[in-house]
Amino acid sequence: MTLSKVIEGMKDEIIHSTQELIRIRSVQGEAKEKMPFGIEVNKALECVLNISDKLGFKTVNLDGFVGYAEYGEGNEYVAVLGHLDVVPEGDGWKHPPFAAEIHDGKIFGRGSVDDKSPIISALYGLKALKDLKLPLKKKVRIIFGTNEETGCNDMPHYNKHELPPTTGFTPDGHYPIVFAEKGITVFDLTKELHNQNKDTIHIKHIKGGQYANMVPDYAEAEIYSKDLEFIAKQCREFSINEDLDLSTEIINDAILIKSYGVSAHGSTPELGKNAIMQLFKFLGTIPIGNNELSNIVEFFNTYVAFETDGTSLGINLHDNISGYLSFNIGAIYIYKYKITMKLNVRYPIESCLNDMLIPFEEKLKPTGLKIENMWHKAPLYFPKNHPLISTLQKVYTEETGLPSDLLSIGMGTYAKEIPNIVAFGPILPGREDLDHKANENIEIDDLILNTKIYARAIYELANLES
């Protein structure tokens, strides 16, 4: 029996296991003993290790940080590294985000593409190789990460306790093959604010967004004013004139301004609509009592607004391999006398961090905002003639009949966390990228095709001469 036929015979199992995993809301939570990223993330890890055990694989749980399923012998191994954690669901779903319902041949749910279905595909791809007893020169590990969405704090634990793979891939990007990834930095902008004049319009709080690497789809500002109806009227008129989705709610002596945007992945902020910047645009039209805050709003309206490439900030870096820098304000929290904003910047592979950071810090000086809590990953690049690249190109073309052009992306993948791997799938050309968006789903046909592609890729890489 062929590899393809064996996988088709597993279709119902693959669907069931994918649904089982999606139904766990594995958003990072409070750390517990042996559960460094919370109870729900740990449930997802236990779930997939249980599935792996039932499929006949050796399983290992590294203190709740990472787990893996292993098949084969020897020291050298092929790694398939995916993640079980997901970003929060956000709003705008037409089907429940953690029910894993099937509609029109698609499984809906947060994590259905990013990254639960592809890691299940890899797992069942390896099961098909095992069932056929196909010879492998290297052992294979399907590695289950748990903290990719909020900093990759899981992988240092793996790298401390395990040897690196000889080769492999992460099923957490796009097809055909991602050979270049932009550099990524996430950081906070903070500033202490002084007392506001309460005889004028002043801000009680501003909050919006959740993670730096998501375009925020909601933000709000609670405003005190002696003329609340005037603020409400201003907001309604501004919303109509500027074609923005803003609404108001009067609560006692304050008015709540609500801003509704469109979520998108932080690597492609141009595909979303930033609710924070939409809110700032309105706040810039009213006299805020705190001059420091007013100046910050004016700064971002002037130098960012709805730009996503840093042009007005003077940081619009570009190269021919990976394109333009991307700039996203992902979250904001202003309460009492402190402002915190979370930013995500992704820069081209032929640039370095300071090419962005030095001019950005210079531009920030008049605002008094300080950069804190910076996290950074340098760019990733594989030559086009690298054996890993050429092998995956061969597999992809033979399994799909499509050309295997190489891709450069702004997303940061697990390929930056352990050596010798690249991002390979699961999103096929022509499919909408639904990572971090409402109504995320995987077509069942794509789920099965991914399983075939990953099975073949594992086989070829495991038999590649070192």
Protein backbone atom coordinates (compact mmCIF):
# COMPACT_ATOMS: atom_id res chain seq x y z
CA MET A 1 0.00 0.00 0.00
CA THR A 2 1.28 3.50 -0.82
CA LEU A 3 1.99 6.22 1.72
CA SER A 4 -0.82 8.29 0.27
CA LYS A 5 -3.37 5.47 0.63
CA VAL A 6 -2.36 4.77 4.22
CA ILE A 7 -2.90 8.44 5.10
CA GLU A 8 -6.28 8.54 3.36
CA GLY A 9 -7.28 5.55 5.49
CA MET A 10 -6.44 7.61 8.61
CA LYS A 11 -8.63 10.54 7.59
CA ASP A 12 -11.25 10.16 10.33
CA GLU A 13 -8.58 9.74 13.02
CA ILE A 14 -6.70 12.81 11.80
CA ILE A 15 -9.88 14.91 11.86
CA HIS A 16 -10.86 13.66 15.31
CA SER A 17 -7.43 14.33 16.82
CA THR A 18 -7.34 17.80 15.28
CA GLN A 19 -10.75 18.62 16.76
CA GLU A 20 -9.76 17.25 20.15
CA LEU A 21 -6.76 19.57 20.29
CA ILE A 22 -8.57 22.67 18.98
CA ARG A 23 -11.24 22.31 21.69
CA ILE A 24 -8.65 23.19 24.34
CA ARG A 25 -8.35 26.97 24.83
CA SER A 26 -4.59 26.86 25.18
CA VAL A 27 -3.95 30.57 25.74
CA GLN A 28 -1.08 31.31 28.12
CA GLY A 29 -2.22 31.50 31.74
CA GLU A 30 -0.81 31.72 35.24
CA ALA A 31 2.20 29.50 35.81
CA LYS A 32 1.72 26.45 38.03
CA GLU A 33 4.07 23.68 39.11
CA LYS A 34 5.10 21.70 36.00
CA MET A 35 2.75 24.00 34.06
CA PRO A 36 4.94 27.01 33.23
CA PHE A 37 2.42 28.53 30.83
CA GLY A 38 -0.79 27.71 32.63
CA ILE A 39 -3.35 24.96 33.03
CA GLU A 40 -4.95 25.13 29.57
CA VAL A 41 -1.64 25.05 27.68
CA ASN A 42 -0.65 22.07 29.78
CA LYS A 43 -3.94 20.35 28.91
CA ALA A 44 -3.06 20.70 25.23
CA LEU A 45 0.40 19.22 25.85
CA GLU A 46 -1.04 16.28 27.78
CA CYS A 47 -3.66 15.77 25.07
CA VAL A 48 -1.18 15.52 22.20
CA LEU A 49 1.23 13.35 24.19
CA ASN A 50 -1.68 11.01 24.94
CA ILE A 51 -2.54 10.86 21.23
CA SER A 52 1.13 10.16 20.44
CA ASP A 53 1.28 7.40 23.02
CA LYS A 54 -1.80 5.73 21.53
CA LEU A 55 -0.16 5.91 18.09
CA GLY A 56 2.75 3.88 19.44
CA PHE A 57 5.44 6.53 19.82
CA LYS A 58 7.88 7.07 22.64
CA THR A 59 6.79 10.27 24.42
CA VAL A 60 8.68 12.71 26.62
CA ASN A 61 7.42 15.65 28.69
CA LEU A 62 10.17 18.12 29.58
CA ASP A 63 8.73 19.64 32.76
CA GLY A 64 5.70 21.08 30.99
CA PHE A 65 7.81 23.35 28.77
CA VAL A 66 8.00 21.06 25.72
CA GLY A 67 7.02 17.53 24.82
CA TYR A 68 7.87 15.26 21.93
CA ALA A 69 6.93 12.03 20.21
CA GLU A 70 9.88 10.02 18.90
CA TYR A 71 10.37 7.19 16.42
CA GLY A 72 13.57 5.51 15.28
CA GLU A 73 17.09 5.04 16.58
CA GLY A 74 20.41 6.90 16.71
CA ASN A 75 21.69 10.27 17.86
CA GLU A 76 20.93 12.23 14.71
CA TYR A 77 17.31 13.21 14.30
CA VAL A 78 14.86 15.06 12.09
CA ALA A 79 12.76 17.59 13.99
CA VAL A 80 9.24 18.73 13.21
CA LEU A 81 8.64 21.55 15.67
CA GLY A 82 5.16 23.02 16.15
CA HIS A 83 3.31 24.82 18.92
CA LEU A 84 0.19 24.11 20.93
CA ASP A 85 -0.41 27.56 22.42
CA VAL A 86 -2.74 29.99 20.68
CA VAL A 87 -3.52 33.69 20.77
CA PRO A 88 -6.85 34.77 22.34
CA GLU A 89 -9.85 34.29 20.10
CA GLY A 90 -10.92 37.94 19.75
CA ASP A 91 -14.32 38.90 18.37
CA GLY A 92 -16.25 38.36 15.14
CA TRP A 93 -16.53 34.57 14.97
CA LYS A 94 -19.44 33.02 13.08
CA HIS A 95 -18.77 29.63 14.72
CA PRO A 96 -17.58 29.06 18.32
CA PRO A 97 -13.78 29.49 18.37
CA PHE A 98 -13.10 26.42 20.52
CA ALA A 99 -15.80 24.02 19.36
CA ALA A 100 -13.89 22.70 16.32
CA GLU A 101 -17.13 22.53 14.32
CA ILE A 102 -17.07 21.35 10.73
CA HIS A 103 -18.86 23.51 8.15
CA ASP A 104 -18.51 23.34 4.36
CA GLY A 105 -15.60 20.94 4.58
CA LYS A 106 -13.64 23.10 7.03
CA ILE A 107 -12.73 22.73 10.71
CA PHE A 108 -13.24 26.08 12.45
CA GLY A 109 -11.39 27.13 15.57
CA ARG A 110 -8.52 29.12 17.03
CA GLY A 111 -5.36 27.18 16.32
CA SER A 112 -6.85 25.24 13.41
CA VAL A 113 -4.08 26.61 11.18
CA ASP A 114 -1.75 28.15 13.76
CA ASP A 115 -0.52 25.57 14.74
CA LYS A 116 -2.60 22.60 15.89
CA SER A 117 -3.74 20.94 12.67
CA PRO A 118 -0.26 20.97 11.07
CA ILE A 119 1.38 19.37 14.11
CA ILE A 120 -1.31 16.66 14.02
CA SER A 121 -0.61 16.23 10.29
CA ALA A 122 3.09 15.72 11.00
CA LEU A 123 2.29 13.26 13.78
CA TYR A 124 0.05 11.13 11.57
CA GLY A 125 2.51 11.45 8.69
CA LEU A 126 5.11 9.82 10.91
CA LYS A 127 2.53 7.19 11.95
CA ALA A 128 2.04 6.30 8.28
CA LEU A 129 5.80 5.80 7.84
CA LYS A 130 5.85 3.62 10.95
CA ASP A 131 2.89 1.52 9.78
CA LEU A 132 4.56 0.92 6.42
CA LYS A 133 7.86 0.12 8.17
CA LEU A 134 9.73 2.36 5.75
CA PRO A 135 13.45 2.52 6.54
CA LEU A 136 14.74 5.72 8.15
CA LYS A 137 18.45 6.46 8.63
CA LYS A 138 17.73 9.03 11.33
CA LYS A 139 15.19 9.04 14.11
CA VAL A 140 12.34 11.53 14.01
CA ARG A 141 10.91 13.80 16.70
CA ILE A 142 7.61 15.61 16.49
CA ILE A 143 8.23 18.37 19.04
CA PHE A 144 5.32 20.10 20.79
CA GLY A 145 6.16 23.63 21.90
CA THR A 146 3.96 25.57 24.30
CA ASN A 147 4.95 29.25 24.18
CA GLU A 148 5.52 30.32 20.59
CA GLU A 149 2.89 33.06 20.64
CA THR A 150 4.21 34.94 23.67
CA GLY A 151 7.98 34.83 23.51
CA CYS A 152 9.21 31.27 22.84
CA ASN A 153 10.21 30.90 26.49
CA ASP A 154 9.77 27.15 26.14
CA MET A 155 12.64 26.47 23.76
CA PRO A 156 15.59 27.47 25.99
CA HIS A 157 14.49 24.61 28.26
CA TYR A 158 14.49 22.22 25.31
CA ASN A 159 17.88 23.41 24.07
CA LYS A 160 19.34 23.05 27.56
CA HIS A 161 18.31 19.41 27.89
CA GLU A 162 18.37 18.08 24.31
CA LEU A 163 20.80 17.98 21.39
CA PRO A 164 19.88 20.03 18.32
CA PRO A 165 18.35 18.32 15.28
CA THR A 166 20.36 17.48 12.19
CA THR A 167 17.64 18.91 9.99
CA GLY A 168 13.89 19.47 9.94
CA PHE A 169 11.09 21.98 9.62
CA THR A 170 8.37 23.82 11.50
CA PRO A 171 4.86 23.50 9.99
CA ASP A 172 4.04 27.07 10.97
CA GLY A 173 4.45 29.26 7.91
CA HIS A 174 3.49 29.09 4.24
CA TYR A 175 4.17 26.82 1.32
CA PRO A 176 6.32 26.29 -0.61
CA ILE A 177 9.36 26.91 1.69
CA VAL A 178 10.33 29.88 3.83
CA PHE A 179 14.04 30.45 3.36
CA ALA A 180 14.22 33.91 4.97
CA GLU A 181 12.55 35.46 8.03
CA LYS A 182 12.77 39.08 9.06
CA GLY A 183 14.32 40.15 12.33
CA ILE A 184 11.75 40.70 15.06
CA THR A 185 11.65 42.84 18.16
CA VAL A 186 8.89 43.30 20.73
CA PHE A 187 9.11 45.99 23.39
CA ASP A 188 7.15 48.32 25.64
CA LEU A 189 7.00 52.09 25.50
CA THR A 190 6.41 53.49 28.98
CA LYS A 191 6.09 56.87 30.68
CA GLU A 192 4.94 58.17 34.04
CA LEU A 193 2.20 60.80 33.65
CA HIS A 194 1.55 63.68 36.03
CA ASN A 195 -1.74 64.97 37.43
CA GLN A 196 -4.41 66.04 35.01
CA ASN A 197 -6.48 69.20 35.27
CA LYS A 198 -9.89 67.86 36.25
CA ASP A 199 -11.65 71.07 35.23
CA THR A 200 -11.06 70.07 31.59
CA ILE A 201 -11.52 66.93 29.53
CA HIS A 202 -9.28 64.22 30.94
CA ILE A 203 -8.68 60.53 30.44
CA LYS A 204 -9.61 58.07 33.19
CA HIS A 205 -8.18 55.14 31.27
CA ILE A 206 -7.24 53.91 27.82
CA LYS A 207 -6.86 50.23 27.06
CA GLY A 208 -6.83 48.10 23.96
CA GLY A 209 -5.24 45.09 22.32
CA GLN A 210 -3.77 42.01 23.97
CA TYR A 211 -0.47 41.06 22.38
CA ALA A 212 2.21 43.02 20.54
CA ASN A 213 2.04 40.59 17.62
CA MET A 214 -1.66 41.11 16.94
CA VAL A 215 -3.29 44.11 15.29
CA PRO A 216 -5.78 45.18 18.01
CA ASP A 217 -9.44 44.83 17.06
CA TYR A 218 -10.73 46.75 20.09
CA ALA A 219 -9.67 49.74 22.17
CA GLU A 220 -11.49 52.08 24.52
CA ALA A 221 -11.03 55.34 26.38
CA GLU A 222 -13.00 56.44 29.43
CA ILE A 223 -13.18 60.23 29.42
CA TYR A 224 -14.36 62.69 32.06
CA SER A 225 -15.95 65.89 30.83
CA LYS A 226 -18.52 68.41 32.07
CA ASP A 227 -20.24 68.12 28.69
CA LEU A 228 -20.57 64.43 27.91
CA GLU A 229 -23.20 64.96 25.21
CA PHE A 230 -20.79 67.25 23.36
CA ILE A 231 -18.10 64.52 23.34
CA ALA A 232 -20.64 61.94 22.18
CA LYS A 233 -21.79 64.22 19.35
CA GLN A 234 -18.18 64.92 18.33
CA CYS A 235 -17.46 61.18 18.24
CA ARG A 236 -20.53 60.33 16.14
CA GLU A 237 -19.76 63.02 13.58
CA PHE A 238 -16.07 62.14 13.45
CA SER A 239 -16.84 58.45 12.99
CA ILE A 240 -19.10 59.21 10.01
CA ASN A 241 -16.81 61.77 8.40
CA GLU A 242 -13.67 59.64 8.74
CA ASP A 243 -15.40 56.29 8.07
CA LEU A 244 -14.23 54.85 11.41
CA ASP A 245 -16.00 52.32 13.63
CA LEU A 246 -16.42 54.27 16.89
CA SER A 247 -19.26 54.26 19.41
CA THR A 248 -19.99 55.85 22.79
CA GLU A 249 -21.56 54.92 26.12
CA ILE A 250 -22.21 57.40 28.93
CA ILE A 251 -21.44 55.94 32.38
CA ASN A 252 -22.22 58.25 35.32
CA ASP A 253 -19.82 61.22 35.01
CA ALA A 254 -17.80 59.76 32.15
CA ILE A 255 -18.14 58.66 28.56
CA LEU A 256 -16.67 55.46 27.15
CA ILE A 257 -15.35 55.76 23.58
CA LYS A 258 -15.22 52.33 21.93
CA SER A 259 -13.07 51.68 18.88
CA TYR A 260 -13.53 48.56 16.74
CA GLY A 261 -10.79 47.52 14.35
CA VAL A 262 -9.87 44.41 12.36
CA SER A 263 -7.37 41.94 13.79
CA ALA A 264 -4.43 40.60 11.80
CA HIS A 265 -1.08 38.99 12.47
CA GLY A 266 1.65 41.38 13.63
CA SER A 267 3.79 40.35 10.64
CA THR A 268 1.17 41.70 8.22
CA PRO A 269 -0.35 44.71 10.01
CA GLU A 270 -1.39 46.21 6.69
CA LEU A 271 -4.10 43.52 6.50
CA GLY A 272 -5.77 44.74 9.70
CA LYS A 273 -7.29 47.94 11.04
CA ASN A 274 -5.66 49.18 14.23
CA ALA A 275 -8.31 50.03 16.84
CA ILE A 276 -5.77 51.89 19.01
CA MET A 277 -4.72 54.23 16.23
CA GLN A 278 -8.36 54.71 15.25
CA LEU A 279 -9.07 55.79 18.85
CA PHE A 280 -6.01 58.08 18.88
CA LYS A 281 -7.23 59.77 15.72
CA PHE A 282 -10.42 60.82 17.50
CA LEU A 283 -8.67 61.75 20.77
CA GLY A 284 -6.50 64.10 18.75
CA THR A 285 -9.58 66.21 17.97
CA ILE A 286 -10.53 66.99 21.59
CA PRO A 287 -8.64 69.06 24.22
CA ILE A 288 -7.20 66.48 26.64
CA GLY A 289 -6.38 68.02 30.02
CA ASN A 290 -3.02 66.25 30.41
CA ASN A 291 -0.52 67.92 28.10
CA GLU A 292 1.93 64.98 28.31
CA LEU A 293 -0.72 62.55 27.12
CA SER A 294 -1.99 65.01 24.53
CA ASN A 295 1.55 65.30 23.12
CA ILE A 296 1.88 61.52 22.93
CA VAL A 297 -1.42 61.21 21.06
CA GLU A 298 -0.31 63.96 18.68
CA PHE A 299 3.07 62.25 18.17
CA PHE A 300 1.50 58.94 17.13
CA ASN A 301 -1.12 60.62 14.97
CA THR A 302 1.67 62.51 13.19
CA TYR A 303 4.33 59.81 12.84
CA VAL A 304 2.32 56.56 12.78
CA ALA A 305 -1.44 56.96 12.21
CA PHE A 306 -2.36 53.98 10.00
CA GLU A 307 1.11 53.51 8.51
CA THR A 308 2.59 50.05 8.97
CA ASP A 309 6.06 50.46 7.42
CA GLY A 310 7.61 53.21 9.58
CA THR A 311 7.86 55.76 6.76
CA SER A 312 7.00 58.86 8.80
CA LEU A 313 9.18 57.61 11.65
CA GLY A 314 12.13 57.40 9.27
CA ILE A 315 12.64 53.65 9.78
CA ASN A 316 11.15 52.25 6.56
CA LEU A 317 13.97 49.78 5.91
CA HIS A 318 13.82 47.60 2.80
CA ASP A 319 15.73 44.94 0.89
CA ASN A 320 15.08 42.86 -2.22
CA ILE A 321 14.92 39.53 -0.35
CA SER A 322 12.47 40.25 2.47
CA GLY A 323 10.78 43.52 1.54
CA TYR A 324 9.82 46.34 3.89
CA LEU A 325 9.90 46.76 7.65
CA SER A 326 6.54 46.26 9.42
CA PHE A 327 5.42 48.30 12.44
CA ASN A 328 2.53 47.40 14.75
CA ILE A 329 1.18 48.97 17.93
CA GLY A 330 -0.42 45.88 19.47
CA ALA A 331 -1.62 46.98 22.90
CA ILE A 332 -2.00 50.01 25.16
CA TYR A 333 -2.79 50.52 28.84
CA ILE A 334 -3.12 53.93 30.48
CA TYR A 335 -4.40 54.08 34.04
CA LYS A 336 -3.88 56.74 36.67
CA TYR A 337 -0.40 58.06 35.98
CA LYS A 338 1.34 55.57 33.70
CA ILE A 339 1.20 54.73 30.01
CA THR A 340 2.38 51.39 28.57
CA MET A 341 2.27 50.56 24.87
CA LYS A 342 3.37 47.25 23.33
CA LEU A 343 5.03 47.37 19.91
CA ASN A 344 6.11 44.76 17.39
CA VAL A 345 8.63 45.72 14.68
CA ARG A 346 9.94 43.35 12.00
CA TYR A 347 12.92 44.47 9.91
CA PRO A 348 14.49 43.14 6.67
CA ILE A 349 17.14 40.42 6.77
CA GLU A 350 19.89 42.63 5.31
CA SER A 351 19.42 45.13 8.16
CA CYS A 352 20.28 44.92 11.84
CA LEU A 353 18.36 45.94 14.95
CA ASN A 354 20.20 49.25 15.39
CA ASP A 355 19.30 50.33 11.85
CA MET A 356 15.76 50.61 13.18
CA LEU A 357 16.31 51.27 16.87
CA ILE A 358 18.70 54.25 16.79
CA PRO A 359 16.55 56.51 14.55
CA PHE A 360 13.39 55.39 16.35
CA GLU A 361 14.78 56.31 19.78
CA GLU A 362 15.88 59.68 18.41
CA LYS A 363 12.37 60.37 17.10
CA LEU A 364 10.85 59.36 20.46
CA LYS A 365 12.92 61.78 22.58
CA PRO A 366 10.41 64.67 22.67
CA THR A 367 7.67 62.36 24.02
CA GLY A 368 9.62 61.15 27.07
CA LEU A 369 8.60 57.56 26.25
CA LYS A 370 11.18 54.94 27.19
CA ILE A 371 11.82 51.54 25.63
CA GLU A 372 11.60 48.70 28.15
CA ASN A 373 11.29 44.88 28.21
CA MET A 374 12.82 44.42 24.77
CA TRP A 375 12.82 40.96 23.17
CA HIS A 376 14.70 40.39 19.93
CA LYS A 377 15.33 37.69 17.36
CA ALA A 378 17.80 38.27 14.52
CA PRO A 379 16.84 37.48 10.90
CA LEU A 380 17.04 33.91 9.54
CA TYR A 381 18.37 33.02 6.09
CA PHE A 382 19.18 29.76 4.24
CA PRO A 383 21.00 29.75 0.87
CA LYS A 384 18.79 28.59 -1.98
CA ASN A 385 21.09 25.63 -2.74
CA HIS A 386 21.08 24.28 0.83
CA PRO A 387 20.21 20.53 0.92
CA LEU A 388 17.29 21.16 3.30
CA ILE A 389 15.82 23.71 0.90
CA SER A 390 16.28 21.60 -2.23
CA THR A 391 14.84 18.50 -0.54
CA LEU A 392 11.69 20.29 0.59
CA GLN A 393 11.31 21.87 -2.85
CA LYS A 394 11.41 18.42 -4.43
CA VAL A 395 8.85 17.01 -2.00
CA TYR A 396 6.46 19.94 -2.37
CA THR A 397 6.49 19.90 -6.17
CA GLU A 398 6.08 16.13 -6.43
CA GLU A 399 3.22 16.03 -3.90
CA THR A 400 1.29 19.05 -5.19
CA GLY A 401 2.33 19.46 -8.82
CA LEU A 402 2.99 23.14 -8.06
CA PRO A 403 6.21 25.14 -8.46
CA SER A 404 8.29 25.40 -5.30
CA ASP A 405 9.22 29.07 -5.24
CA LEU A 406 11.00 30.22 -2.09
CA LEU A 407 9.39 32.67 0.31
CA SER A 408 10.59 35.40 2.61
CA ILE A 409 8.24 36.30 5.48
CA GLY A 410 7.80 38.77 8.31
CA MET A 411 6.44 36.13 10.67
CA GLY A 412 8.82 34.78 13.25
CA THR A 413 8.68 31.00 13.46
CA TYR A 414 10.23 28.33 15.61
CA ALA A 415 12.92 28.04 12.91
CA LYS A 416 14.73 30.74 14.87
CA GLU A 417 14.60 28.74 18.09
CA ILE A 418 16.60 25.62 17.20
CA PRO A 419 19.25 25.14 14.49
CA ASN A 420 18.89 23.58 11.06
CA ILE A 421 15.15 23.96 10.38
CA VAL A 422 12.95 26.15 8.18
CA ALA A 423 9.22 26.91 8.02
CA PHE A 424 7.36 24.60 5.62
CA GLY A 425 3.59 25.05 5.22
CA PRO A 426 0.80 24.63 6.21
CA ILE A 427 -0.83 27.45 4.22
CA LEU A 428 -1.12 26.64 0.52
CA PRO A 429 -0.83 29.27 -2.22
CA GLY A 430 -4.17 30.96 -2.80
CA ARG A 431 -5.49 30.19 0.68
CA GLU A 432 -6.30 33.13 2.94
CA ASP A 433 -3.91 33.50 5.84
CA LEU A 434 -6.22 33.30 8.86
CA ASP A 435 -3.55 33.24 11.58
CA HIS A 436 -4.72 35.33 14.54
CA LYS A 437 -7.95 36.27 12.74
CA ALA A 438 -11.59 35.57 13.47
CA ASN A 439 -13.01 32.45 11.78
CA GLU A 440 -9.64 30.71 11.53
CA ASN A 441 -10.19 27.35 9.83
CA ILE A 442 -8.48 24.52 7.98
CA GLU A 443 -9.99 22.84 4.95
CA ILE A 444 -10.15 19.10 5.56
CA ASP A 445 -8.70 18.42 2.10
CA ASP A 446 -5.72 20.62 3.05
CA LEU A 447 -5.38 18.81 6.38
CA ILE A 448 -4.99 15.50 4.59
CA LEU A 449 -2.72 16.94 1.88
CA ASN A 450 -0.50 18.42 4.60
CA THR A 451 -0.25 14.99 6.19
CA LYS A 452 0.95 13.52 2.89
CA ILE A 453 3.45 16.32 2.30
CA TYR A 454 4.85 16.10 5.82
CA ALA A 455 5.10 12.31 5.73
CA ARG A 456 7.11 12.49 2.51
CA ALA A 457 9.27 15.34 3.83
CA ILE A 458 10.08 13.43 7.01
CA TYR A 459 11.02 10.36 4.97
CA GLU A 460 13.28 12.27 2.59
CA LEU A 461 15.01 14.25 5.34
CA ALA A 462 15.52 11.18 7.51
CA ASN A 463 17.33 9.50 4.61
CA LEU A 464 19.32 12.55 3.53
CA GLU A 465 23.06 12.09 3.80
CA SER A 466 24.51 14.19 6.63
